[in-house]
């Protein structure tokens, strides 16, 4: 049995077990969700139509409006141009 391999594994395992850091992805802020939904409804667009306008899948729009998406500034920029309004920092 290789002693070096087995001892290193137990040290890594202990380090992983002791690691209590909360690792979570950033989510879409609630004000951006509301602004996106309101702007889309004001233009009388469906999620699928908006997605087609910005060359993304309808699922992307669904994730942004439900708050499950990881914010991507390029997609948010495309949404702002397609809807003709600012979604970030609207106030």
N, C-alpha and C. Protein backbone atom coordinates (compact mmCIF):
# COMPACT_ATOMS: atom_id res chain seq x y z
N UNK A 1 0.84 -1.19 0.00
CA UNK A 1 0.00 0.00 0.00
C UNK A 1 0.88 1.25 0.00
N UNK A 2 0.51 2.23 -0.73
CA UNK A 2 1.26 3.46 -0.86
C UNK A 2 0.88 4.41 0.28
N UNK A 3 1.83 4.64 1.18
CA UNK A 3 1.54 5.48 2.36
C UNK A 3 1.29 6.94 1.97
N UNK A 4 2.04 7.44 1.03
CA UNK A 4 1.91 8.85 0.65
C UNK A 4 0.53 9.15 0.09
N UNK A 5 0.00 8.26 -0.71
CA UNK A 5 -1.32 8.49 -1.32
C UNK A 5 -2.42 8.44 -0.28
N UNK A 6 -2.37 7.49 0.63
CA UNK A 6 -3.44 7.34 1.61
C UNK A 6 -3.44 8.46 2.64
N UNK A 7 -2.27 8.95 3.06
CA UNK A 7 -2.22 10.02 4.07
C UNK A 7 -2.69 11.35 3.48
N UNK A 8 -2.35 11.61 2.21
CA UNK A 8 -2.78 12.85 1.57
C UNK A 8 -4.28 12.91 1.39
N UNK A 9 -4.88 11.77 1.10
CA UNK A 9 -6.33 11.71 0.91
C UNK A 9 -7.06 12.04 2.19
N UNK A 10 -6.60 11.51 3.31
CA UNK A 10 -7.29 11.77 4.58
C UNK A 10 -7.17 13.24 4.97
N UNK A 11 -6.03 13.87 4.65
CA UNK A 11 -5.87 15.30 4.97
C UNK A 11 -6.83 16.14 4.13
N UNK A 12 -6.94 15.81 2.84
CA UNK A 12 -7.87 16.54 1.97
C UNK A 12 -9.31 16.34 2.40
N UNK A 13 -9.65 15.12 2.78
CA UNK A 13 -11.00 14.82 3.22
C UNK A 13 -11.34 15.61 4.47
N UNK A 14 -10.41 15.67 5.42
CA UNK A 14 -10.65 16.43 6.65
C UNK A 14 -10.82 17.91 6.33
N UNK A 15 -9.99 18.43 5.43
CA UNK A 15 -10.08 19.85 5.06
C UNK A 15 -11.44 20.14 4.42
N UNK A 16 -11.93 19.24 3.57
CA UNK A 16 -13.23 19.43 2.94
C UNK A 16 -14.36 19.34 3.97
N UNK A 17 -14.23 18.42 4.91
CA UNK A 17 -15.25 18.28 5.95
C UNK A 17 -15.30 19.51 6.85
N UNK A 18 -14.14 20.10 7.13
CA UNK A 18 -14.09 21.27 8.01
C UNK A 18 -14.51 22.55 7.31
N UNK A 19 -14.52 22.54 6.00
CA UNK A 19 -14.86 23.73 5.23
C UNK A 19 -16.35 24.01 5.34
N UNK A 20 -16.71 25.10 6.01
CA UNK A 20 -18.12 25.42 6.22
C UNK A 20 -18.53 26.67 5.43
N UNK A 21 -17.66 27.11 4.53
CA UNK A 21 -17.96 28.30 3.75
C UNK A 21 -19.21 28.07 2.89
N UNK A 22 -20.08 29.04 2.89
CA UNK A 22 -21.33 28.94 2.11
C UNK A 22 -21.05 29.37 0.68
N UNK A 23 -21.09 28.41 -0.23
CA UNK A 23 -20.81 28.70 -1.63
C UNK A 23 -22.13 28.73 -2.41
N UNK A 24 -22.50 29.90 -2.90
CA UNK A 24 -23.74 30.03 -3.66
C UNK A 24 -23.52 31.05 -4.77
N UNK A 25 -24.17 30.82 -5.91
CA UNK A 25 -24.07 31.75 -7.01
C UNK A 25 -24.93 32.97 -6.75
N UNK A 26 -24.51 34.08 -7.33
CA UNK A 26 -25.30 35.30 -7.25
C UNK A 26 -26.59 35.09 -8.06
N UNK A 27 -27.68 35.63 -7.58
CA UNK A 27 -28.97 35.50 -8.27
C UNK A 27 -29.44 36.86 -8.77
N UNK A 28 -30.44 36.84 -9.63
CA UNK A 28 -31.00 38.07 -10.18
C UNK A 28 -31.70 38.85 -9.05
N UNK A 29 -31.38 40.13 -8.88
CA UNK A 29 -32.05 40.93 -7.84
C UNK A 29 -33.55 41.07 -8.12
N UNK A 30 -34.34 41.20 -7.07
CA UNK A 30 -35.80 41.25 -7.23
C UNK A 30 -36.25 42.47 -8.02
N UNK A 31 -35.56 43.61 -7.88
CA UNK A 31 -35.97 44.79 -8.65
C UNK A 31 -35.74 44.59 -10.15
N UNK A 32 -34.69 43.87 -10.53
CA UNK A 32 -34.45 43.59 -11.94
C UNK A 32 -35.53 42.64 -12.48
N UNK A 33 -35.92 41.65 -11.68
CA UNK A 33 -36.99 40.73 -12.09
C UNK A 33 -38.28 41.50 -12.37
N UNK A 34 -38.65 42.38 -11.43
CA UNK A 34 -39.89 43.14 -11.57
C UNK A 34 -39.83 44.09 -12.75
N UNK A 35 -38.69 44.78 -12.91
CA UNK A 35 -38.54 45.72 -14.03
C UNK A 35 -38.62 45.00 -15.37
N UNK A 36 -37.99 43.82 -15.46
CA UNK A 36 -38.01 43.04 -16.70
C UNK A 36 -39.43 42.61 -17.04
N UNK A 37 -40.12 42.08 -16.05
CA UNK A 37 -41.48 41.59 -16.29
C UNK A 37 -42.41 42.74 -16.69
N UNK A 38 -42.29 43.86 -15.99
CA UNK A 38 -43.15 45.02 -16.28
C UNK A 38 -42.87 45.57 -17.68
N UNK A 39 -41.59 45.70 -18.03
CA UNK A 39 -41.23 46.23 -19.34
C UNK A 39 -41.71 45.29 -20.45
N UNK A 40 -41.61 44.00 -20.23
CA UNK A 40 -42.05 43.03 -21.24
C UNK A 40 -43.57 43.10 -21.42
N UNK A 41 -44.30 43.21 -20.32
CA UNK A 41 -45.76 43.29 -20.39
C UNK A 41 -46.22 44.61 -21.00
N UNK A 42 -45.48 45.70 -20.73
CA UNK A 42 -45.81 47.00 -21.32
C UNK A 42 -45.69 46.96 -22.84
N UNK A 43 -44.74 46.19 -23.35
CA UNK A 43 -44.56 46.03 -24.81
C UNK A 43 -45.46 44.94 -25.38
N UNK A 44 -46.25 44.30 -24.50
CA UNK A 44 -47.16 43.22 -24.90
C UNK A 44 -46.43 42.08 -25.61
N UNK A 45 -45.29 41.68 -25.01
CA UNK A 45 -44.49 40.58 -25.55
C UNK A 45 -44.61 39.35 -24.65
N UNK A 46 -44.57 38.18 -25.26
CA UNK A 46 -44.47 36.95 -24.48
C UNK A 46 -42.99 36.71 -24.17
N UNK A 47 -42.73 35.79 -23.26
CA UNK A 47 -41.35 35.44 -22.95
C UNK A 47 -40.65 34.90 -24.19
N UNK A 48 -41.38 34.09 -24.98
CA UNK A 48 -40.79 33.50 -26.18
C UNK A 48 -40.47 34.57 -27.22
N UNK A 49 -41.35 35.56 -27.38
CA UNK A 49 -41.10 36.62 -28.35
C UNK A 49 -39.89 37.45 -27.95
N UNK A 50 -39.80 37.79 -26.65
CA UNK A 50 -38.65 38.56 -26.17
C UNK A 50 -37.37 37.76 -26.35
N UNK A 51 -37.41 36.49 -26.05
CA UNK A 51 -36.24 35.63 -26.21
C UNK A 51 -35.78 35.61 -27.67
N UNK A 52 -36.73 35.54 -28.59
CA UNK A 52 -36.40 35.52 -30.01
C UNK A 52 -35.76 36.85 -30.44
N UNK A 53 -36.25 37.96 -29.87
CA UNK A 53 -35.71 39.27 -30.21
C UNK A 53 -34.23 39.41 -29.83
N UNK A 54 -33.83 38.76 -28.73
CA UNK A 54 -32.45 38.89 -28.25
C UNK A 54 -31.62 37.64 -28.58
N UNK A 55 -32.18 36.74 -29.39
CA UNK A 55 -31.48 35.51 -29.80
C UNK A 55 -31.06 34.65 -28.62
N UNK A 56 -31.95 34.47 -27.69
CA UNK A 56 -31.75 33.57 -26.55
C UNK A 56 -32.91 32.60 -26.50
N UNK A 57 -32.78 31.57 -25.66
CA UNK A 57 -33.86 30.61 -25.49
C UNK A 57 -34.92 31.18 -24.54
N UNK A 58 -36.19 30.80 -24.72
CA UNK A 58 -37.24 31.27 -23.80
C UNK A 58 -36.95 30.92 -22.34
N UNK A 59 -36.24 29.84 -22.13
CA UNK A 59 -35.89 29.43 -20.76
C UNK A 59 -35.05 30.49 -20.06
N UNK A 60 -34.22 31.21 -20.82
CA UNK A 60 -33.38 32.27 -20.23
C UNK A 60 -34.27 33.36 -19.65
N UNK A 61 -35.30 33.76 -20.39
CA UNK A 61 -36.22 34.80 -19.92
C UNK A 61 -36.97 34.30 -18.68
N UNK A 62 -37.40 33.05 -18.71
CA UNK A 62 -38.09 32.46 -17.56
C UNK A 62 -37.21 32.48 -16.32
N UNK A 63 -35.93 32.13 -16.49
CA UNK A 63 -35.02 32.11 -15.35
C UNK A 63 -34.78 33.51 -14.79
N UNK A 64 -34.67 34.50 -15.67
CA UNK A 64 -34.48 35.88 -15.20
C UNK A 64 -35.71 36.37 -14.46
N UNK A 65 -36.89 36.08 -14.99
CA UNK A 65 -38.11 36.57 -14.35
C UNK A 65 -38.42 35.83 -13.06
N UNK A 66 -37.95 34.59 -12.92
CA UNK A 66 -38.19 33.84 -11.68
C UNK A 66 -37.06 34.07 -10.67
N UNK A 67 -35.97 34.69 -11.12
CA UNK A 67 -34.86 34.98 -10.21
C UNK A 67 -33.87 33.84 -10.07
N UNK A 68 -33.98 32.82 -10.89
CA UNK A 68 -33.09 31.67 -10.78
C UNK A 68 -31.81 31.81 -11.60
N UNK A 69 -31.78 32.77 -12.52
CA UNK A 69 -30.63 32.93 -13.41
C UNK A 69 -29.45 33.56 -12.67
N UNK A 70 -28.26 33.23 -13.13
CA UNK A 70 -27.05 33.90 -12.66
C UNK A 70 -26.89 35.13 -13.56
N UNK A 71 -26.87 36.34 -12.99
CA UNK A 71 -26.87 37.56 -13.81
C UNK A 71 -25.71 37.60 -14.81
N UNK A 72 -26.02 37.88 -16.05
CA UNK A 72 -25.04 38.03 -17.12
C UNK A 72 -25.27 39.42 -17.71
N UNK A 73 -24.25 40.28 -17.60
CA UNK A 73 -24.41 41.67 -18.02
C UNK A 73 -24.69 41.79 -19.52
N UNK A 74 -24.16 40.86 -20.33
CA UNK A 74 -24.43 40.91 -21.77
C UNK A 74 -25.91 40.66 -22.06
N UNK A 75 -26.49 39.67 -21.39
CA UNK A 75 -27.91 39.36 -21.61
C UNK A 75 -28.77 40.51 -21.09
N UNK A 76 -28.43 41.06 -19.94
CA UNK A 76 -29.20 42.18 -19.39
C UNK A 76 -29.13 43.37 -20.35
N UNK A 77 -27.97 43.61 -20.94
CA UNK A 77 -27.82 44.68 -21.93
C UNK A 77 -28.70 44.45 -23.15
N UNK A 78 -28.74 43.20 -23.64
CA UNK A 78 -29.60 42.87 -24.79
C UNK A 78 -31.07 43.10 -24.44
N UNK A 79 -31.46 42.71 -23.22
CA UNK A 79 -32.84 42.91 -22.79
C UNK A 79 -33.18 44.39 -22.73
N UNK A 80 -32.25 45.20 -22.21
CA UNK A 80 -32.50 46.64 -22.12
C UNK A 80 -32.68 47.26 -23.51
N UNK A 81 -31.85 46.85 -24.45
CA UNK A 81 -31.97 47.39 -25.82
C UNK A 81 -33.27 46.95 -26.48
N UNK A 82 -33.63 45.67 -26.30
CA UNK A 82 -34.85 45.15 -26.93
C UNK A 82 -36.10 45.80 -26.34
N UNK A 83 -36.08 46.06 -25.04
CA UNK A 83 -37.26 46.64 -24.38
C UNK A 83 -37.23 48.17 -24.38
N UNK A 84 -36.08 48.75 -24.70
CA UNK A 84 -35.98 50.20 -24.75
C UNK A 84 -36.07 50.86 -23.40
N UNK A 85 -35.60 50.19 -22.36
CA UNK A 85 -35.65 50.75 -21.01
C UNK A 85 -34.48 50.23 -20.19
N UNK A 86 -34.15 50.94 -19.12
CA UNK A 86 -33.11 50.50 -18.21
C UNK A 86 -33.71 49.51 -17.21
N UNK A 87 -33.06 48.38 -17.03
CA UNK A 87 -33.52 47.40 -16.05
C UNK A 87 -32.69 47.46 -14.78
N UNK A 88 -31.44 47.87 -14.92
CA UNK A 88 -30.54 47.98 -13.77
C UNK A 88 -30.58 49.41 -13.24
N UNK A 89 -30.71 49.56 -11.94
CA UNK A 89 -30.68 50.88 -11.34
C UNK A 89 -31.67 51.85 -11.96
N UNK A 90 -32.92 51.41 -12.04
CA UNK A 90 -33.96 52.19 -12.71
C UNK A 90 -34.31 53.46 -11.96
N UNK A 91 -34.09 53.50 -10.66
CA UNK A 91 -34.53 54.64 -9.84
C UNK A 91 -33.66 55.85 -10.00
